[in-house]
């Protein structure tokens, strides 16, 4: 769990922002993992041969993406 959290939050675990964070990282010996590059691509599932034939998603400033 701690390695995953170190990979996901490079700003929260930045010792320049908090003395308590700096002390905690010093006690554990530094980061357990380097931060991952963003954005992180996520694929929930793939179905071989499936082609999506629905409406194209359009970016919406309010809600993110909509149909």
N, C-alpha and C. Protein backbone atom coordinates (compact mmCIF):
# COMPACT_ATOMS: atom_id res chain seq x y z
N UNK A 1 0.82 -1.19 0.00
CA UNK A 1 0.00 0.00 0.00
C UNK A 1 0.87 1.26 0.00
N UNK A 2 1.90 1.29 0.81
CA UNK A 2 2.75 2.48 0.91
C UNK A 2 3.49 2.75 -0.40
N UNK A 3 3.89 1.68 -1.08
CA UNK A 3 4.57 1.88 -2.37
C UNK A 3 3.61 2.48 -3.40
N UNK A 4 2.37 1.99 -3.40
CA UNK A 4 1.37 2.53 -4.33
C UNK A 4 1.11 4.00 -4.03
N UNK A 5 0.98 4.36 -2.77
CA UNK A 5 0.74 5.74 -2.40
C UNK A 5 1.93 6.63 -2.80
N UNK A 6 3.15 6.15 -2.66
CA UNK A 6 4.31 6.92 -3.09
C UNK A 6 4.31 7.11 -4.60
N UNK A 7 3.81 6.11 -5.34
CA UNK A 7 3.76 6.22 -6.78
C UNK A 7 2.69 7.23 -7.22
N UNK A 8 1.60 7.32 -6.47
CA UNK A 8 0.49 8.17 -6.88
C UNK A 8 0.60 9.63 -6.45
N UNK A 9 1.21 9.90 -5.31
CA UNK A 9 1.20 11.30 -4.87
C UNK A 9 2.59 11.85 -4.65
N UNK A 10 3.08 12.51 -5.68
CA UNK A 10 4.41 13.09 -5.58
C UNK A 10 4.39 14.43 -4.84
N UNK A 11 3.25 15.15 -4.83
CA UNK A 11 3.19 16.43 -4.14
C UNK A 11 2.90 16.28 -2.66
N UNK A 12 2.01 15.36 -2.30
CA UNK A 12 1.65 15.18 -0.90
C UNK A 12 2.85 14.70 -0.10
N UNK A 13 3.67 13.85 -0.69
CA UNK A 13 4.81 13.30 0.02
C UNK A 13 6.09 14.12 -0.21
N UNK A 14 5.93 15.35 -0.64
CA UNK A 14 7.09 16.20 -0.88
C UNK A 14 7.52 16.83 0.44
N UNK A 15 8.69 16.48 0.94
CA UNK A 15 9.13 16.97 2.25
C UNK A 15 9.34 18.48 2.31
N UNK A 16 9.37 19.16 1.16
CA UNK A 16 9.51 20.62 1.18
C UNK A 16 8.27 21.31 1.73
N UNK A 17 7.11 20.62 1.70
CA UNK A 17 5.86 21.23 2.11
C UNK A 17 5.52 21.01 3.57
N UNK A 18 6.13 20.04 4.22
CA UNK A 18 5.72 19.71 5.58
C UNK A 18 6.89 19.11 6.37
N UNK A 19 7.09 19.62 7.57
CA UNK A 19 8.14 19.09 8.45
C UNK A 19 7.80 17.66 8.87
N UNK A 20 6.52 17.40 9.17
CA UNK A 20 6.13 16.05 9.59
C UNK A 20 6.32 15.04 8.46
N UNK A 21 6.06 15.47 7.22
CA UNK A 21 6.29 14.58 6.07
C UNK A 21 7.77 14.29 5.91
N UNK A 22 8.60 15.32 6.08
CA UNK A 22 10.05 15.14 5.98
C UNK A 22 10.55 14.17 7.04
N UNK A 23 10.05 14.30 8.28
CA UNK A 23 10.47 13.40 9.36
C UNK A 23 10.01 11.96 9.10
N UNK A 24 8.77 11.80 8.64
CA UNK A 24 8.25 10.46 8.37
C UNK A 24 9.04 9.78 7.25
N UNK A 25 9.36 10.53 6.21
CA UNK A 25 10.13 9.94 5.11
C UNK A 25 11.55 9.60 5.56
N UNK A 26 12.11 10.42 6.43
CA UNK A 26 13.45 10.14 6.96
C UNK A 26 13.44 8.85 7.79
N UNK A 27 12.40 8.64 8.59
CA UNK A 27 12.30 7.44 9.43
C UNK A 27 12.15 6.18 8.60
N UNK A 28 11.41 6.26 7.47
CA UNK A 28 11.22 5.06 6.66
C UNK A 28 12.35 4.86 5.65
N UNK A 29 13.29 5.80 5.59
CA UNK A 29 14.43 5.64 4.70
C UNK A 29 14.21 6.22 3.32
N UNK A 30 13.30 7.18 3.19
CA UNK A 30 13.02 7.80 1.90
C UNK A 30 11.80 7.20 1.24
N UNK A 31 11.60 7.60 0.00
CA UNK A 31 10.45 7.08 -0.76
C UNK A 31 10.59 5.58 -0.96
N UNK A 32 9.45 4.90 -0.98
CA UNK A 32 9.44 3.46 -1.26
C UNK A 32 9.35 3.20 -2.76
N UNK A 33 8.92 4.22 -3.52
CA UNK A 33 8.83 4.11 -4.97
C UNK A 33 8.86 5.52 -5.56
N UNK A 34 9.31 5.63 -6.79
CA UNK A 34 9.31 6.93 -7.47
C UNK A 34 7.90 7.23 -7.98
N UNK A 35 7.51 8.51 -8.03
CA UNK A 35 6.17 8.86 -8.52
C UNK A 35 5.98 8.41 -9.97
N UNK A 36 4.80 7.95 -10.28
CA UNK A 36 4.47 7.53 -11.64
C UNK A 36 4.23 8.76 -12.50
N UNK A 37 4.51 8.64 -13.78
CA UNK A 37 4.22 9.74 -14.70
C UNK A 37 2.72 9.90 -14.86
N UNK A 38 2.29 11.11 -15.13
CA UNK A 38 0.86 11.34 -15.31
C UNK A 38 0.60 11.86 -16.71
N UNK A 39 -0.54 11.65 -17.28
CA UNK A 39 -1.65 10.89 -16.72
C UNK A 39 -1.37 9.38 -16.75
N UNK A 40 -1.97 8.67 -15.83
CA UNK A 40 -1.79 7.23 -15.73
C UNK A 40 -2.88 6.55 -16.57
N UNK A 41 -2.50 5.83 -17.63
CA UNK A 41 -3.52 5.15 -18.44
C UNK A 41 -4.10 3.96 -17.67
N UNK A 42 -5.42 3.83 -17.71
CA UNK A 42 -6.10 2.74 -17.01
C UNK A 42 -6.97 1.99 -18.01
N UNK A 43 -6.80 0.68 -18.09
CA UNK A 43 -7.65 -0.17 -18.93
C UNK A 43 -8.34 -1.15 -18.00
N UNK A 44 -9.66 -1.05 -17.90
CA UNK A 44 -10.40 -1.93 -17.00
C UNK A 44 -10.59 -3.32 -17.59
N UNK A 45 -10.86 -3.40 -18.88
CA UNK A 45 -11.04 -4.70 -19.52
C UNK A 45 -10.93 -4.52 -21.03
N UNK A 46 -10.50 -5.56 -21.70
CA UNK A 46 -10.49 -5.55 -23.15
C UNK A 46 -11.18 -6.81 -23.65
N UNK A 47 -11.90 -6.67 -24.76
CA UNK A 47 -12.57 -7.81 -25.37
C UNK A 47 -12.01 -7.93 -26.78
N UNK A 48 -11.27 -8.99 -27.06
CA UNK A 48 -10.67 -9.14 -28.38
C UNK A 48 -11.73 -9.07 -29.49
N UNK A 49 -11.49 -8.23 -30.49
CA UNK A 49 -12.38 -8.13 -31.63
C UNK A 49 -13.55 -7.17 -31.44
N UNK A 50 -13.77 -6.65 -30.24
CA UNK A 50 -14.90 -5.75 -30.00
C UNK A 50 -14.56 -4.35 -30.49
N UNK A 51 -15.50 -3.74 -31.23
CA UNK A 51 -15.35 -2.37 -31.71
C UNK A 51 -16.56 -1.57 -31.21
N UNK A 52 -16.31 -0.52 -30.45
CA UNK A 52 -17.38 0.32 -29.91
C UNK A 52 -18.06 1.08 -31.04
N UNK A 53 -19.41 0.99 -31.10
CA UNK A 53 -20.16 1.65 -32.17
C UNK A 53 -21.12 2.69 -31.62
N UNK A 54 -20.91 3.13 -30.39
CA UNK A 54 -21.78 4.14 -29.78
C UNK A 54 -21.37 5.55 -30.16
N UNK A 55 -22.03 6.51 -29.52
CA UNK A 55 -21.76 7.92 -29.79
C UNK A 55 -20.36 8.28 -29.32
N UNK A 56 -19.73 9.19 -30.04
CA UNK A 56 -18.41 9.68 -29.68
C UNK A 56 -18.53 10.55 -28.43
N UNK A 57 -17.66 10.31 -27.45
CA UNK A 57 -17.69 11.13 -26.25
C UNK A 57 -17.09 12.50 -26.54
N UNK A 58 -17.72 13.54 -25.99
CA UNK A 58 -17.23 14.90 -26.18
C UNK A 58 -16.88 15.50 -24.84
N UNK A 59 -15.78 16.24 -24.79
CA UNK A 59 -15.34 16.83 -23.54
C UNK A 59 -16.28 17.96 -23.13
N UNK A 60 -16.62 17.95 -21.85
CA UNK A 60 -17.52 18.93 -21.28
C UNK A 60 -16.82 19.57 -20.09
N UNK A 61 -16.72 20.90 -20.06
CA UNK A 61 -16.01 21.57 -18.98
C UNK A 61 -16.61 21.36 -17.62
N UNK A 62 -17.91 21.13 -17.54
CA UNK A 62 -18.61 20.94 -16.27
C UNK A 62 -18.44 19.52 -15.72
N UNK A 63 -18.71 18.53 -16.56
CA UNK A 63 -18.80 17.14 -16.09
C UNK A 63 -17.66 16.25 -16.57
N UNK A 64 -16.75 16.77 -17.34
CA UNK A 64 -15.68 15.92 -17.84
C UNK A 64 -15.99 15.49 -19.26
N UNK A 65 -16.68 14.36 -19.44
CA UNK A 65 -17.05 13.88 -20.76
C UNK A 65 -18.52 13.53 -20.78
N UNK A 66 -19.17 13.77 -21.92
CA UNK A 66 -20.57 13.45 -22.09
C UNK A 66 -20.78 12.87 -23.48
N UNK A 67 -21.93 12.28 -23.70
CA UNK A 67 -22.24 11.72 -25.03
C UNK A 67 -22.89 12.74 -25.89
